[in-house]
Amino acid sequence: MPLKVTVPIIYPITSGAAIIPDILRSVQAAVDAEVPLFQIREKSLSARALFELVVRAVSITRGSKTRLMVNDRVDVARAAGADGVHLTARSLPADVVRMTCGGEFLIGVSTHSREEARAARDGGADFVVFGPIFSTESKRAFGPPQGLAALRGITRELDGFPVLAIGGITLDNIAACLSAGASGVAGITLFNNAEIYLTLRDVL
């Protein structure tokens, strides 16, 4: 069931630095700017610490237009009352999460090929993130940049299913990603400064 929010979608992802006050300030800024999606990606935290963080974040997003996602940890996302989970190549398959969590639970999936993107869509994901589109240190482990041509191919093949671009996203190349058919952009570095949310809202 595709994600139903206003496009283009802005999808901030936390850096993994686990500075709790900064994360919560970013969540509040996202809510204030009506950013549709926000992902907490703090792999270094224990399950308990992550749960406590997500509970606090949920209290900020509750009743707003911002839907809170948790990276990988379906159990924490469900227990803390988050809106959904963002799956990786090492996570449970999307179809298993959908069967377990039901239709209202949002599922995003990180993908790096057409095959992965199709599998995520067919498995019941609400959207996929595809990349890296441009060169970026944080996505070096996933190989060289895929480029705009690959992004355009994915969006055409999935035909209306939400595909968000990630990897080296900047203010200078967002428009190119959207022109290639992306429903929005996701990123870590781009959103380090919470003021960027309002800038993007004005630009987009």
Protein backbone atom coordinates (compact mmCIF):
# COMPACT_ATOMS: atom_id res chain seq x y z
CA MET A 1 0.00 0.00 0.00
CA PRO A 2 1.89 3.10 -1.24
CA LEU A 3 2.59 5.96 1.12
CA LYS A 4 -0.09 8.65 0.91
CA VAL A 5 1.45 12.01 1.80
CA THR A 6 1.98 15.23 -0.06
CA VAL A 7 4.92 15.13 -2.45
CA PRO A 8 7.72 16.00 -2.74
CA ILE A 9 8.58 14.11 0.44
CA ILE A 10 11.35 15.26 2.77
CA TYR A 11 12.75 12.41 4.85
CA PRO A 12 15.39 13.37 7.46
CA ILE A 13 17.42 10.55 9.03
CA THR A 14 19.37 10.93 12.27
CA SER A 15 23.13 10.55 12.06
CA GLY A 16 23.72 7.87 14.66
CA ALA A 17 25.56 10.26 16.97
CA ALA A 18 22.97 9.57 19.70
CA ILE A 19 22.93 13.09 21.14
CA ILE A 20 19.42 12.80 22.51
CA PRO A 21 18.58 16.51 23.03
CA ASP A 22 19.72 17.29 19.47
CA ILE A 23 17.60 14.48 18.06
CA LEU A 24 14.52 15.65 19.91
CA ARG A 25 15.11 19.22 18.75
CA SER A 26 15.30 17.94 15.18
CA VAL A 27 12.06 16.03 15.62
CA GLN A 28 10.37 19.18 16.91
CA ALA A 29 11.74 21.19 14.00
CA ALA A 30 10.41 18.60 11.57
CA VAL A 31 6.98 18.80 13.19
CA ASP A 32 7.04 22.60 13.05
CA ALA A 33 7.91 22.48 9.34
CA GLU A 34 5.30 19.76 8.66
CA VAL A 35 7.94 17.36 7.34
CA PRO A 36 6.01 14.16 6.49
CA LEU A 37 8.58 11.54 7.54
CA PHE A 38 11.37 11.39 10.11
CA GLN A 39 13.61 8.40 10.79
CA ILE A 40 15.44 7.67 14.02
CA ARG A 41 18.53 5.69 13.05
CA GLU A 42 20.58 5.21 16.20
CA LYS A 43 22.23 1.82 15.91
CA SER A 44 24.60 2.33 18.83
CA LEU A 45 21.83 2.64 21.42
CA SER A 46 20.68 -0.31 23.48
CA ALA A 47 17.13 -1.51 22.91
CA ARG A 48 16.03 0.16 26.15
CA ALA A 49 17.70 3.49 25.37
CA LEU A 50 16.30 3.47 21.83
CA PHE A 51 12.83 2.67 23.15
CA GLU A 52 12.99 5.58 25.60
CA LEU A 53 14.17 7.93 22.84
CA VAL A 54 11.41 6.86 20.46
CA VAL A 55 8.76 7.24 23.19
CA ARG A 56 9.88 10.84 23.68
CA ALA A 57 9.93 11.46 19.94
CA VAL A 58 6.43 9.98 19.56
CA SER A 59 5.16 12.41 22.18
CA ILE A 60 6.41 15.23 19.93
CA THR A 61 5.00 13.91 16.64
CA ARG A 62 1.66 12.72 18.01
CA GLY A 63 -1.21 14.56 16.32
CA SER A 64 1.10 16.25 13.81
CA LYS A 65 1.69 15.72 10.10
CA THR A 66 5.07 14.11 10.80
CA ARG A 67 5.16 10.32 10.86
CA LEU A 68 7.96 8.78 12.89
CA MET A 69 9.99 5.84 11.58
CA VAL A 70 12.53 3.68 13.42
CA ASN A 71 15.45 2.10 11.61
CA ASP A 72 15.35 -1.73 11.52
CA ARG A 73 13.89 -2.34 15.01
CA VAL A 74 10.31 -3.40 14.39
CA ASP A 75 9.93 -4.40 18.04
CA VAL A 76 11.00 -1.00 19.35
CA ALA A 77 8.89 0.88 16.81
CA ARG A 78 5.77 -1.06 17.77
CA ALA A 79 6.37 -0.94 21.52
CA ALA A 80 7.08 2.79 21.54
CA GLY A 81 4.11 3.69 19.33
CA ALA A 82 6.05 4.89 16.28
CA ASP A 83 4.28 5.07 12.93
CA GLY A 84 6.52 2.59 11.21
CA VAL A 85 9.89 1.00 10.55
CA HIS A 86 12.58 1.50 7.95
CA LEU A 87 14.05 -1.80 6.78
CA THR A 88 17.53 -2.52 5.46
CA ALA A 89 19.05 -5.44 3.61
CA ARG A 90 19.66 -7.13 6.97
CA SER A 91 16.19 -6.52 8.36
CA LEU A 92 13.16 -8.77 8.28
CA PRO A 93 11.54 -8.89 4.81
CA ALA A 94 8.80 -6.36 4.17
CA ASP A 95 6.15 -9.05 3.68
CA VAL A 96 6.89 -10.55 7.10
CA VAL A 97 6.64 -7.14 8.79
CA ARG A 98 3.41 -6.36 6.94
CA MET A 99 1.85 -9.68 7.92
CA THR A 100 2.87 -9.13 11.54
CA CYS A 101 2.13 -5.44 11.96
CA GLY A 102 -0.90 -4.88 9.75
CA GLY A 103 -1.89 -2.41 7.10
CA GLU A 104 -1.60 0.82 9.07
CA PHE A 105 2.04 0.32 10.05
CA LEU A 106 4.33 2.21 7.68
CA ILE A 107 7.16 0.28 6.05
CA GLY A 108 10.04 1.91 4.21
CA VAL A 109 12.86 -0.09 2.65
CA SER A 110 16.40 0.87 1.65
CA THR A 111 17.19 -0.45 -1.84
CA HIS A 112 20.19 -0.38 -4.16
CA SER A 113 18.89 -2.17 -7.25
CA ARG A 114 15.76 -2.63 -9.34
CA GLU A 115 15.38 -6.14 -7.98
CA GLU A 116 15.43 -4.96 -4.37
CA ALA A 117 13.01 -2.12 -5.12
CA ARG A 118 10.54 -4.43 -6.86
CA ALA A 119 10.76 -6.97 -4.04
CA ALA A 120 10.05 -4.28 -1.45
CA ARG A 121 7.03 -3.00 -3.36
CA ASP A 122 5.67 -6.47 -3.99
CA GLY A 123 6.27 -7.39 -0.35
CA GLY A 124 3.95 -4.67 0.90
CA ALA A 125 6.28 -1.74 1.59
CA ASP A 126 4.79 1.74 1.51
CA PHE A 127 7.85 3.33 -0.11
CA VAL A 128 11.48 2.67 -0.97
CA VAL A 129 14.62 4.73 -0.63
CA PHE A 130 17.00 4.21 -3.55
CA GLY A 131 20.66 5.11 -3.82
CA PRO A 132 23.27 6.25 -3.49
CA ILE A 133 22.43 8.63 -6.30
CA PHE A 134 25.48 10.85 -5.89
CA SER A 135 28.86 10.38 -4.25
CA THR A 136 28.71 10.32 -0.46
CA GLU A 137 30.90 9.07 2.37
CA SER A 138 28.00 7.61 4.34
CA LYS A 139 26.92 5.34 1.45
CA ARG A 140 30.36 4.28 0.21
CA ALA A 141 29.76 0.73 1.45
CA PHE A 142 27.00 0.38 -1.15
CA GLY A 143 29.31 0.99 -4.09
CA PRO A 144 29.67 3.83 -6.60
CA PRO A 145 26.90 6.36 -7.21
CA GLN A 146 23.94 4.97 -9.15
CA GLY A 147 23.26 8.26 -10.88
CA LEU A 148 20.13 9.98 -12.10
CA ALA A 149 19.65 7.59 -15.02
CA ALA A 150 19.28 4.65 -12.63
CA LEU A 151 16.89 6.67 -10.48
CA ARG A 152 14.81 7.49 -13.54
CA GLY A 153 14.72 3.82 -14.51
CA ILE A 154 13.53 2.77 -11.06
CA THR A 155 10.78 5.36 -10.89
CA ARG A 156 9.52 4.42 -14.37
CA GLU A 157 9.56 0.72 -13.59
CA LEU A 158 7.70 1.10 -10.30
CA ASP A 159 5.30 3.55 -11.99
CA GLY A 160 3.73 5.68 -9.26
CA PHE A 161 5.14 3.81 -6.29
CA PRO A 162 7.01 6.26 -4.02
CA VAL A 163 10.78 6.21 -4.56
CA LEU A 164 12.93 8.56 -2.49
CA ALA A 165 16.45 9.45 -3.60
CA ILE A 166 19.32 9.21 -1.12
CA GLY A 167 23.08 9.64 -1.21
CA GLY A 168 24.85 12.96 -1.69
CA ILE A 169 21.60 14.92 -1.75
CA THR A 170 22.11 18.71 -1.60
CA LEU A 171 20.06 21.81 -2.26
CA ASP A 172 21.72 21.97 -5.68
CA ASN A 173 20.62 18.53 -6.89
CA ILE A 174 17.19 17.99 -5.32
CA ALA A 175 15.45 19.41 -8.39
CA ALA A 176 17.31 16.94 -10.62
CA CYS A 177 16.15 14.03 -8.44
CA LEU A 178 12.55 15.17 -8.65
CA SER A 179 12.85 15.63 -12.42
CA ALA A 180 14.07 12.03 -12.61
CA GLY A 181 10.78 10.93 -11.06
CA ALA A 182 11.67 10.69 -7.37
CA SER A 183 8.79 11.34 -4.96
CA GLY A 184 11.21 13.07 -2.62
CA VAL A 185 14.61 12.93 -0.99
CA ALA A 186 16.07 11.36 2.12
CA GLY A 187 19.32 12.22 3.83
CA ILE A 188 21.46 12.56 6.91
CA THR A 189 24.02 15.28 6.16
CA LEU A 190 21.57 17.56 4.39
CA PHE A 191 19.40 17.72 7.49
CA ASN A 192 22.13 18.29 10.09
CA ASN A 193 20.83 21.83 10.49
CA ALA A 194 17.15 21.81 11.42
CA GLU A 195 16.64 25.18 9.71
CA ILE A 196 16.97 23.39 6.37
CA TYR A 197 13.44 22.04 6.76
CA LEU A 198 11.90 25.47 6.39
CA THR A 199 14.30 26.33 3.56
CA LEU A 200 13.26 23.20 1.67
CA ARG A 201 9.60 23.86 2.27
CA ASP A 202 10.00 27.30 0.69
CA VAL A 203 12.07 25.94 -2.22
CA LEU A 204 9.84 22.95 -2.97
